[in-house]
Amino acid sequence: MPLDRRRWIALLVVLLAATSFDHARVAAQGRPLGPLEDGRVSYFIAPPPADSQSRTGDEELALWALESWQRAGGGQLQFVAAADERTALVRVYWAAAAGGQYGEMRPLDVDGRRGAAVYIRPDTDAFGDPIAQRAGLDSLFRDTIVYLTCLHELGHALGLEHTDDFADIMYFFGFGGDIPEYFGRYRRELAGRTDIRAVAGLSAGDRAQLRALYGAPVTQAAVSDGAN
């Protein structure tokens, strides 16, 4: 049965909105946040809703991901907790699993500055076997997935683009490869949960992208030269 005029209009509005969103998301890649003041990036991590299947400590995983990007910035970035969600340049939210996606980044305009909202789906059961089965048996493997998803989506928030290098956290799963092994290699570096805070999970390629956007790390030699 052909669509009537009203339904065609409604469908067109949905398609245009989706297209506009995709263009906005792509346009955000390759662009740094801000402009920033002294490299400061305000952030907000939302408490997880009941339907997200989040676990106690997931907010900590998001914080550790922010810390890893801050360390990789070598002094060029400083993440600071925002006093108000509405003023945060980077916002982390937890969402129910949908469409098999691990996470998503959406660009934001925050008082004329480029910001980003990151959505993390911590329900590993939704990803099917063998990911779900292994995550159910090994809590560290499950936390690995959530942490690396936070790291990847926050990379997009910072402006990093997808890559085709399996070593990168910004690798795009659309290129294929052994996805369980992608998470498994990181899991093998962990003896306990707190090790996640020390094992960044970033490659040389990831750091190179970050430097291209925010400048070279501030080294001790550079600090000494500036003081002379």
Protein backbone atom coordinates (compact mmCIF):
# COMPACT_ATOMS: atom_id res chain seq x y z
CA MET A 1 0.00 0.00 0.00
CA PRO A 2 1.51 3.37 -0.94
CA LEU A 3 2.38 5.76 1.87
CA ASP A 4 0.05 8.73 2.29
CA ARG A 5 1.44 12.27 2.22
CA ARG A 6 1.58 12.64 6.01
CA ARG A 7 3.59 9.44 6.47
CA TRP A 8 5.98 10.44 3.66
CA ILE A 9 6.63 13.75 5.41
CA ALA A 10 7.24 12.02 8.74
CA LEU A 11 9.66 9.56 7.10
CA LEU A 12 11.49 12.39 5.34
CA VAL A 13 11.93 14.26 8.63
CA VAL A 14 13.46 11.16 10.26
CA LEU A 15 15.83 10.59 7.33
CA LEU A 16 16.94 14.21 7.26
CA ALA A 17 17.54 14.21 11.01
CA ALA A 18 19.61 11.03 10.76
CA THR A 19 21.61 12.41 7.85
CA SER A 20 22.25 15.68 9.65
CA PHE A 21 23.40 13.80 12.75
CA ASP A 22 25.80 11.59 10.75
CA HIS A 23 27.28 14.65 9.03
CA ALA A 24 27.71 16.41 12.40
CA ARG A 25 29.42 13.37 13.90
CA VAL A 26 31.81 12.99 10.97
CA ALA A 27 32.55 16.72 10.99
CA ALA A 28 33.62 16.46 14.64
CA GLN A 29 36.40 14.01 13.76
CA GLY A 30 39.79 15.55 13.18
CA ARG A 31 38.78 18.59 15.24
CA PRO A 32 39.97 19.20 18.80
CA LEU A 33 37.64 20.06 21.64
CA GLY A 34 37.18 23.62 22.69
CA PRO A 35 38.78 26.06 22.26
CA LEU A 36 40.32 25.13 25.61
CA GLU A 37 41.71 27.33 28.34
CA ASP A 38 45.12 26.04 29.46
CA GLY A 39 44.20 22.60 28.14
CA ARG A 40 41.40 22.18 30.69
CA VAL A 41 38.55 19.87 29.66
CA SER A 42 35.53 19.83 31.95
CA TYR A 43 33.76 16.47 32.19
CA PHE A 44 30.67 14.90 33.67
CA ILE A 45 30.09 11.16 34.25
CA ALA A 46 26.42 10.37 34.75
CA PRO A 47 25.21 7.77 37.23
CA PRO A 48 24.06 4.67 35.32
CA PRO A 49 20.31 4.07 34.94
CA ALA A 50 18.82 0.79 36.11
CA ASP A 51 18.19 -0.53 32.58
CA SER A 52 21.80 -0.16 31.46
CA GLN A 53 23.01 -3.38 33.14
CA SER A 54 25.90 -1.35 34.53
CA ARG A 55 27.89 -2.62 37.50
CA THR A 56 29.36 -0.92 40.53
CA GLY A 57 32.66 0.62 39.47
CA ASP A 58 31.78 1.34 35.83
CA GLU A 59 31.96 5.09 36.48
CA GLU A 60 35.49 4.46 37.73
CA LEU A 61 36.37 2.76 34.43
CA ALA A 62 35.23 5.87 32.56
CA LEU A 63 37.35 8.04 34.85
CA TRP A 64 40.39 5.83 34.28
CA ALA A 65 39.88 6.17 30.53
CA LEU A 66 39.94 9.96 30.89
CA GLU A 67 43.12 9.69 32.96
CA SER A 68 44.76 7.56 30.24
CA TRP A 69 44.06 10.19 27.57
CA GLN A 70 45.32 12.89 29.93
CA ARG A 71 48.60 11.02 30.47
CA ALA A 72 48.93 10.45 26.72
CA GLY A 73 48.56 14.20 26.21
CA GLY A 74 51.78 14.75 28.15
CA GLY A 75 50.58 17.93 29.84
CA GLN A 76 48.50 19.28 26.95
CA LEU A 77 45.18 18.15 28.46
CA GLN A 78 43.77 18.33 31.97
CA PHE A 79 40.38 16.78 32.72
CA VAL A 80 38.50 18.50 35.53
CA ALA A 81 35.11 17.56 36.95
CA ALA A 82 32.40 20.04 35.98
CA ALA A 83 30.27 21.60 38.68
CA ASP A 84 27.24 21.33 36.39
CA GLU A 85 26.43 18.72 33.75
CA ARG A 86 25.22 21.45 31.38
CA THR A 87 28.63 23.17 31.36
CA ALA A 88 30.70 20.00 30.87
CA LEU A 89 32.56 19.84 27.58
CA VAL A 90 32.70 16.02 27.70
CA ARG A 91 29.79 14.00 29.10
CA VAL A 92 29.66 10.26 29.67
CA TYR A 93 26.32 8.45 29.78
CA TRP A 94 25.32 4.80 30.13
CA ALA A 95 22.77 3.30 27.76
CA ALA A 96 20.95 0.03 27.22
CA ALA A 97 22.48 -2.20 24.55
CA ALA A 98 21.01 -1.63 21.10
CA GLY A 99 21.93 -2.85 17.65
CA GLY A 100 25.03 -4.62 18.94
CA GLN A 101 26.86 -1.32 19.37
CA TYR A 102 29.44 -0.99 22.14
CA GLY A 103 29.27 2.78 22.33
CA GLU A 104 28.62 6.01 20.51
CA MET A 105 29.83 9.63 20.41
CA ARG A 106 27.60 12.59 19.63
CA PRO A 107 28.97 16.11 19.11
CA LEU A 108 27.72 18.92 21.32
CA ASP A 109 27.82 22.69 21.19
CA VAL A 110 28.70 24.02 24.63
CA ASP A 111 28.48 27.80 24.64
CA GLY A 112 29.98 27.97 21.17
CA ARG A 113 32.71 25.40 21.87
CA ARG A 114 32.98 21.89 20.44
CA GLY A 115 32.00 19.35 23.07
CA ALA A 116 30.89 15.73 22.99
CA ALA A 117 28.49 13.31 24.65
CA VAL A 118 29.68 9.72 24.92
CA TYR A 119 27.27 6.80 25.35
CA ILE A 120 28.60 3.50 26.71
CA ARG A 121 26.62 0.25 26.65
CA PRO A 122 27.91 -1.94 29.49
CA ASP A 123 25.57 -4.90 28.90
CA THR A 124 28.05 -7.39 27.44
CA ASP A 125 25.35 -10.08 27.21
CA ALA A 126 23.91 -8.15 24.27
CA PHE A 127 27.02 -8.74 22.13
CA GLY A 128 26.44 -12.47 21.70
CA ASP A 129 28.90 -15.34 21.89
CA PRO A 130 31.81 -15.64 22.28
CA ILE A 131 32.06 -12.14 23.82
CA ALA A 132 29.08 -12.57 26.15
CA GLN A 133 30.06 -16.05 27.28
CA ARG A 134 33.63 -15.08 28.13
CA ALA A 135 32.54 -11.88 29.86
CA GLY A 136 30.09 -13.88 31.97
CA LEU A 137 32.87 -16.16 33.17
CA ASP A 138 35.56 -13.51 33.64
CA SER A 139 34.68 -10.19 35.27
CA LEU A 140 38.02 -8.69 34.23
CA PHE A 141 37.28 -9.50 30.60
CA ARG A 142 33.91 -7.78 31.01
CA ASP A 143 35.58 -4.72 32.60
CA THR A 144 38.13 -4.75 29.76
CA ILE A 145 35.32 -4.37 27.23
CA VAL A 146 33.70 -1.49 29.13
CA TYR A 147 37.01 0.29 29.75
CA LEU A 148 38.24 -0.01 26.15
CA THR A 149 34.85 1.14 24.89
CA CYS A 150 35.11 4.22 27.10
CA LEU A 151 38.64 4.79 25.82
CA HIS A 152 37.57 4.47 22.17
CA GLU A 153 34.52 6.74 22.42
CA LEU A 154 36.40 9.33 24.46
CA GLY A 155 39.01 9.26 21.71
CA HIS A 156 36.26 10.26 19.28
CA ALA A 157 35.16 12.95 21.74
CA LEU A 158 38.69 14.35 21.62
CA GLY A 159 38.54 14.37 17.83
CA LEU A 160 40.44 11.19 16.93
CA GLU A 161 39.34 9.32 13.83
CA HIS A 162 38.87 5.61 13.16
CA THR A 163 41.89 3.70 11.88
CA ASP A 164 42.46 0.38 10.11
CA ASP A 165 45.35 -0.58 12.43
CA PHE A 166 44.36 -3.46 14.75
CA ALA A 167 46.86 -2.19 17.34
CA ASP A 168 45.00 1.10 17.85
CA ILE A 169 42.21 1.78 20.33
CA MET A 170 40.69 3.79 17.48
CA TYR A 171 40.55 0.71 15.25
CA PHE A 172 37.20 0.33 13.45
CA PHE A 173 35.62 -3.11 13.87
CA GLY A 174 34.11 -2.75 10.41
CA PHE A 175 37.51 -3.76 9.03
CA GLY A 176 37.04 -7.20 10.61
CA GLY A 177 39.67 -9.10 12.52
CA ASP A 178 39.51 -11.24 15.66
CA ILE A 179 37.34 -9.06 17.91
CA PRO A 180 37.52 -11.33 20.99
CA GLU A 181 41.31 -11.23 20.66
CA TYR A 182 41.18 -7.43 20.36
CA PHE A 183 39.88 -7.37 23.94
CA GLY A 184 41.75 -10.49 25.01
CA ARG A 185 45.24 -9.10 24.43
CA TYR A 186 44.48 -6.24 26.84
CA ARG A 187 42.92 -8.61 29.38
CA ARG A 188 46.14 -10.66 29.47
CA GLU A 189 48.00 -7.61 30.78
CA LEU A 190 45.81 -7.47 33.88
CA ALA A 191 46.36 -9.37 37.12
CA GLY A 192 43.62 -7.47 38.92
CA ARG A 193 41.01 -4.78 38.31
CA THR A 194 43.13 -1.88 39.55
CA ASP A 195 45.74 -2.71 36.89
CA ILE A 196 43.36 -1.13 34.37
CA ARG A 197 44.28 2.27 35.76
CA ALA A 198 47.95 1.70 34.92
CA VAL A 199 47.60 -0.14 31.58
CA ALA A 200 46.47 2.59 29.21
CA GLY A 201 45.62 0.47 26.17
CA LEU A 202 46.79 3.18 23.75
CA SER A 203 49.12 2.57 20.80
CA ALA A 204 51.78 4.77 19.25
CA GLY A 205 49.27 5.53 16.49
CA ASP A 206 46.67 6.69 19.00
CA ARG A 207 49.20 8.99 20.65
CA ALA A 208 50.29 10.36 17.29
CA GLN A 209 46.68 11.28 16.46
CA LEU A 210 46.35 13.00 19.83
CA ARG A 211 49.57 14.98 19.29
CA ALA A 212 48.38 16.09 15.87
CA LEU A 213 45.25 17.57 17.45
CA TYR A 214 46.61 19.05 20.66
CA GLY A 215 50.33 19.52 20.14
CA ALA A 216 53.45 17.73 21.30
CA PRO A 217 53.62 16.50 24.92
CA VAL A 218 55.13 18.90 27.41
CA THR A 219 58.44 17.22 28.33
CA GLN A 220 60.66 18.03 31.29
CA ALA A 221 63.28 19.30 28.84
CA ALA A 222 60.75 21.70 27.35
CA VAL A 223 59.80 22.93 30.80
CA SER A 224 63.48 23.49 31.63
CA ASP A 225 64.11 25.32 28.35
CA GLY A 226 61.14 27.58 29.02
CA ALA A 227 62.46 28.46 32.45
CA ASN A 228 65.87 29.52 31.13
